[in-house]
Amino acid sequence: MNDEMLDAAEKLIGHQFEDRPLLRRALTHASLTDDRLDSNERLEFLGDAVLGMVVCEYLHDRFPELLEGEMTKVKSMVVSRRVCAELADEMGLGGALMLGKGMASRQTLPTSVAAAVYESVVGAVYVDSGLEAARDLILRGLEERIRQAVASGHHSNFKSVLQQIAQQVFNMTPTYALLDEQGPDHAKCFEIAVTIGARRFEPCWGPNKKQAEQEAALRALEELGYASRHDSGEVHVDLSAVSER
């Protein structure tokens, strides 16, 4: 891999390497080497760990309403082999990967190989310039996927979706107010309204405070245009416009 090829690879990745031999190793498949220590496998191992950590940190910091199990589900969706292979394809890393003769003759890269080169590049960026550079690379490709994964799994946690939108679009945090409660102690219903800044949304009733808050958050999402309820009762949440506002 000559300097011209390395220049082209850096443009694909969006990162200029201080240690260019490191980039060369990140783009060297084991099929091309006599010693697997000269391939990108060790960087793939490191990149996988960095990728998982960055996604977990992002979920923890941006979605404070998510429970551990919910964060685990989202993480498994967005750091899968399939998604990593998609990212490699979007970046054009397949064309930059150096392969042995047997592998180079293939029409398309196997998913595992494409995913591995993405992870090895993440690992190389981390070694070359640290966590912040690696985070920038990862979130450039994954941030929207994470938001969509959270939305698709949030049919019972609309509070977290609303909090994300309120913070990103309005730079505010939603507040929930108990307006009324009715019924005997063993079967009370609660009326709750959510407010963002000076705007109060239509209140909702629920059999407990938690469910009433979720219904109020969903009503706010509907009024803001980020959620729609179909006749079947299915709820569709669309976060695609959040980053555009």
Protein backbone atom coordinates (compact mmCIF):
# COMPACT_ATOMS: atom_id res chain seq x y z
CA MET A 1 0.00 0.00 0.00
CA ASN A 2 1.69 3.17 -1.21
CA ASP A 3 1.24 6.74 0.02
CA GLU A 4 -1.41 7.50 -2.58
CA MET A 5 -3.50 4.55 -1.43
CA LEU A 6 -3.07 5.59 2.19
CA ASP A 7 -4.17 9.14 1.30
CA ALA A 8 -7.31 7.74 -0.32
CA ALA A 9 -8.01 5.54 2.73
CA GLU A 10 -7.66 8.51 5.08
CA LYS A 11 -10.25 10.41 3.06
CA LEU A 12 -12.66 7.48 3.31
CA ILE A 13 -12.16 7.31 7.06
CA GLY A 14 -12.13 11.06 7.63
CA HIS A 15 -9.01 10.90 9.78
CA GLN A 16 -5.39 11.81 9.06
CA PHE A 17 -3.05 9.34 10.74
CA GLU A 18 0.10 10.30 12.57
CA ASP A 19 1.14 6.64 12.44
CA ARG A 20 0.56 5.58 8.83
CA PRO A 21 1.91 2.04 9.28
CA LEU A 22 -0.90 1.63 11.78
CA LEU A 23 -3.43 2.47 9.07
CA ARG A 24 -1.73 0.02 6.72
CA ARG A 25 -2.06 -2.74 9.31
CA ALA A 26 -5.73 -1.87 9.91
CA LEU A 27 -6.38 -2.47 6.23
CA THR A 28 -4.39 -5.71 5.93
CA HIS A 29 -6.44 -8.91 6.04
CA ALA A 30 -4.88 -12.06 7.51
CA SER A 31 -5.15 -13.78 4.11
CA LEU A 32 -2.34 -11.51 2.87
CA THR A 33 0.14 -12.15 5.66
CA ASP A 34 2.40 -15.01 6.69
CA ASP A 35 2.08 -13.97 10.32
CA ARG A 36 -1.39 -13.08 11.60
CA LEU A 37 0.23 -10.62 14.01
CA ASP A 38 0.87 -8.47 10.92
CA SER A 39 -2.83 -8.41 10.04
CA ASN A 40 -5.65 -6.25 11.35
CA GLU A 41 -6.98 -8.87 13.78
CA ARG A 42 -5.54 -7.33 16.96
CA LEU A 43 -6.85 -3.89 15.97
CA GLU A 44 -10.24 -5.48 15.27
CA PHE A 45 -10.26 -6.87 18.82
CA LEU A 46 -9.48 -3.44 20.26
CA GLY A 47 -11.90 -1.63 17.97
CA ASP A 48 -14.75 -3.92 19.00
CA ALA A 49 -14.19 -2.94 22.65
CA VAL A 50 -13.93 0.79 21.84
CA LEU A 51 -17.08 0.62 19.72
CA GLY A 52 -19.05 -1.01 22.51
CA MET A 53 -17.80 1.45 25.11
CA VAL A 54 -18.65 4.52 23.00
CA VAL A 55 -22.16 3.26 22.26
CA CYS A 56 -22.75 2.39 25.94
CA GLU A 57 -21.51 5.81 27.04
CA TYR A 58 -23.74 7.54 24.49
CA LEU A 59 -26.80 5.57 25.63
CA HIS A 60 -26.03 6.23 29.29
CA ASP A 61 -25.53 9.98 28.82
CA ARG A 62 -28.22 10.77 26.24
CA PHE A 63 -31.04 8.50 27.42
CA PRO A 64 -31.24 8.74 31.22
CA GLU A 65 -34.69 7.11 31.23
CA LEU A 66 -33.44 3.85 29.68
CA LEU A 67 -33.12 0.85 31.96
CA GLU A 68 -30.09 -1.44 31.77
CA GLY A 69 -31.96 -4.08 29.79
CA GLU A 70 -33.21 -1.49 27.29
CA MET A 71 -29.70 -0.13 26.78
CA THR A 72 -28.42 -3.67 26.25
CA LYS A 73 -31.02 -4.30 23.54
CA VAL A 74 -30.19 -1.08 21.70
CA LYS A 75 -26.47 -1.76 21.91
CA SER A 76 -26.90 -5.26 20.48
CA MET A 77 -28.83 -3.76 17.54
CA VAL A 78 -26.31 -1.09 16.62
CA VAL A 79 -22.99 -2.89 17.14
CA SER A 80 -23.98 -6.08 15.32
CA ARG A 81 -21.86 -7.62 12.58
CA ARG A 82 -24.48 -6.58 10.06
CA VAL A 83 -24.39 -2.91 11.06
CA CYS A 84 -20.58 -2.83 11.19
CA ALA A 85 -20.51 -4.33 7.69
CA GLU A 86 -22.97 -1.68 6.51
CA LEU A 87 -20.75 1.05 7.93
CA ALA A 88 -17.71 -0.42 6.20
CA ASP A 89 -19.65 -0.45 2.92
CA GLU A 90 -20.88 3.14 3.39
CA MET A 91 -17.32 4.30 4.02
CA GLY A 92 -15.95 2.33 1.07
CA LEU A 93 -13.50 0.38 3.23
CA GLY A 94 -13.93 -2.81 1.20
CA GLY A 95 -12.08 -1.26 -1.70
CA ALA A 96 -9.23 -0.16 0.58
CA LEU A 97 -8.80 -3.52 2.31
CA MET A 98 -5.73 -5.48 1.20
CA LEU A 99 -6.60 -9.15 0.68
CA GLY A 100 -4.81 -12.35 -0.27
CA LYS A 101 -5.43 -13.90 -3.70
CA GLY A 102 -8.15 -16.26 -2.53
CA MET A 103 -10.14 -13.50 -0.88
CA ALA A 104 -9.46 -10.85 -3.53
CA SER A 105 -11.20 -12.92 -6.20
CA ARG A 106 -14.56 -12.68 -4.41
CA GLN A 107 -17.23 -10.42 -5.90
CA THR A 108 -18.31 -9.09 -2.51
CA LEU A 109 -16.78 -9.17 0.94
CA PRO A 110 -18.30 -11.57 3.47
CA THR A 111 -20.17 -9.71 6.19
CA SER A 112 -17.68 -10.87 8.81
CA VAL A 113 -14.72 -9.48 6.85
CA ALA A 114 -16.43 -6.16 6.15
CA ALA A 115 -17.39 -5.80 9.83
CA ALA A 116 -13.87 -6.67 10.90
CA VAL A 117 -12.24 -3.98 8.78
CA TYR A 118 -14.59 -1.37 10.24
CA GLU A 119 -13.69 -2.44 13.78
CA SER A 120 -9.98 -2.52 12.95
CA VAL A 121 -10.17 1.03 11.60
CA VAL A 122 -11.92 2.13 14.80
CA GLY A 123 -9.14 0.49 16.78
CA ALA A 124 -6.47 2.15 14.65
CA VAL A 125 -8.01 5.61 15.05
CA TYR A 126 -8.17 5.04 18.81
CA VAL A 127 -4.49 4.04 19.02
CA ASP A 128 -3.44 6.86 16.71
CA SER A 129 -5.35 9.77 18.25
CA GLY A 130 -7.28 8.63 21.32
CA LEU A 131 -10.85 8.15 22.39
CA GLU A 132 -12.28 11.45 21.19
CA ALA A 133 -11.20 10.80 17.60
CA ALA A 134 -12.58 7.26 17.76
CA ARG A 135 -15.85 8.56 19.22
CA ASP A 136 -16.21 11.07 16.38
CA LEU A 137 -15.72 8.31 13.82
CA ILE A 138 -18.18 5.94 15.51
CA LEU A 139 -20.96 8.45 16.12
CA ARG A 140 -20.66 9.83 12.60
CA GLY A 141 -22.01 6.51 11.38
CA LEU A 142 -24.03 5.32 14.36
CA GLU A 143 -25.70 8.30 16.02
CA GLU A 144 -28.79 8.26 13.81
CA ARG A 145 -28.98 4.46 13.99
CA ILE A 146 -28.88 4.64 17.79
CA ARG A 147 -31.71 7.18 17.89
CA GLN A 148 -33.83 5.08 15.56
CA ALA A 149 -33.12 1.92 17.55
CA VAL A 150 -34.15 3.67 20.75
CA ALA A 151 -37.34 4.94 19.09
CA SER A 152 -38.25 1.55 17.63
CA GLY A 153 -37.95 -0.07 21.04
CA HIS A 154 -39.72 2.69 22.92
CA HIS A 155 -43.36 1.74 22.59
CA SER A 156 -43.49 1.67 26.39
CA ASN A 157 -40.94 4.36 27.25
CA PHE A 158 -42.05 7.53 25.52
CA LYS A 159 -40.66 9.64 28.36
CA SER A 160 -37.13 8.90 27.21
CA VAL A 161 -37.95 9.75 23.59
CA LEU A 162 -39.56 13.03 24.65
CA GLN A 163 -36.60 13.89 26.85
CA GLN A 164 -34.21 13.35 23.96
CA ILE A 165 -36.27 15.56 21.65
CA ALA A 166 -36.79 18.27 24.27
CA GLN A 167 -33.08 18.47 25.00
CA GLN A 168 -31.91 18.35 21.38
CA VAL A 169 -34.58 20.53 19.78
CA PHE A 170 -35.60 22.92 22.57
CA ASN A 171 -32.61 22.65 24.93
CA MET A 172 -35.06 21.98 27.77
CA THR A 173 -36.07 19.08 30.01
CA PRO A 174 -39.72 17.99 30.23
CA THR A 175 -41.47 18.25 33.61
CA TYR A 176 -44.49 16.22 34.73
CA ALA A 177 -47.25 17.58 36.97
CA LEU A 178 -49.93 15.60 38.79
CA LEU A 179 -53.20 17.47 38.13
CA ASP A 180 -55.77 15.16 39.67
CA GLU A 181 -56.40 11.73 41.12
CA GLN A 182 -59.70 9.92 41.45
CA GLY A 183 -61.11 6.66 42.70
CA PRO A 184 -60.72 4.53 45.82
CA ASP A 185 -57.26 3.76 47.19
CA HIS A 186 -57.18 0.30 45.61
CA ALA A 187 -58.13 1.58 42.12
CA LYS A 188 -56.97 5.16 41.80
CA CYS A 189 -56.46 6.91 38.46
CA PHE A 190 -54.04 9.77 37.97
CA GLU A 191 -54.11 12.74 35.61
CA ILE A 192 -50.71 14.05 34.54
CA ALA A 193 -49.59 16.75 32.12
CA VAL A 194 -46.15 17.30 30.68
CA THR A 195 -44.64 20.73 30.15
CA ILE A 196 -41.69 21.81 28.02
CA GLY A 197 -40.71 25.39 28.75
CA ALA A 198 -43.87 27.47 28.64
CA ARG A 199 -45.84 24.90 26.66
CA ARG A 200 -48.14 22.50 28.48
CA PHE A 201 -49.48 19.55 26.52
CA GLU A 202 -52.86 17.88 26.87
CA PRO A 203 -53.01 15.87 30.10
CA CYS A 204 -53.63 12.12 30.23
CA TRP A 205 -55.07 9.66 32.72
CA GLY A 206 -53.49 6.40 33.80
CA PRO A 207 -54.03 3.64 36.39
CA ASN A 208 -50.77 4.66 38.06
CA LYS A 209 -48.46 7.68 37.92
CA LYS A 210 -45.86 5.94 35.77
CA GLN A 211 -48.32 4.93 33.07
CA ALA A 212 -50.00 8.32 33.14
CA GLU A 213 -46.61 9.97 32.58
CA GLN A 214 -45.93 7.66 29.63
CA GLU A 215 -49.31 8.50 28.10
CA ALA A 216 -48.69 12.22 28.65
CA ALA A 217 -45.27 11.93 26.98
CA LEU A 218 -46.82 10.11 24.01
CA ARG A 219 -49.50 12.81 23.70
CA ALA A 220 -46.76 15.47 23.65
CA LEU A 221 -44.87 13.53 20.97
CA GLU A 222 -48.03 13.38 18.88
CA GLU A 223 -48.66 17.11 19.27
CA LEU A 224 -45.04 17.84 18.30
CA GLY A 225 -45.33 15.63 15.22
CA TYR A 226 -42.84 12.96 16.29
CA ALA A 227 -45.34 10.16 16.93
CA SER A 228 -48.51 8.85 15.34
CA ARG A 229 -51.05 6.31 16.57
CA HIS A 230 -52.57 3.95 14.01
CA ASP A 231 -56.09 2.50 14.15
CA SER A 232 -54.57 -0.82 15.23
CA GLY A 233 -53.15 0.88 18.31
CA GLU A 234 -49.58 0.63 17.02
CA VAL A 235 -47.45 3.68 17.70
CA HIS A 236 -44.85 4.92 15.23
CA VAL A 237 -42.10 7.24 16.48
CA ASP A 238 -40.06 9.17 13.91
CA LEU A 239 -36.84 10.87 15.06
CA SER A 240 -35.45 11.45 11.57
CA ALA A 241 -36.18 15.18 11.67
CA VAL A 242 -34.62 15.83 15.10
CA SER A 243 -31.11 16.46 13.77
CA GLU A 244 -32.46 18.76 11.05
CA ARG A 245 -34.06 21.25 13.44
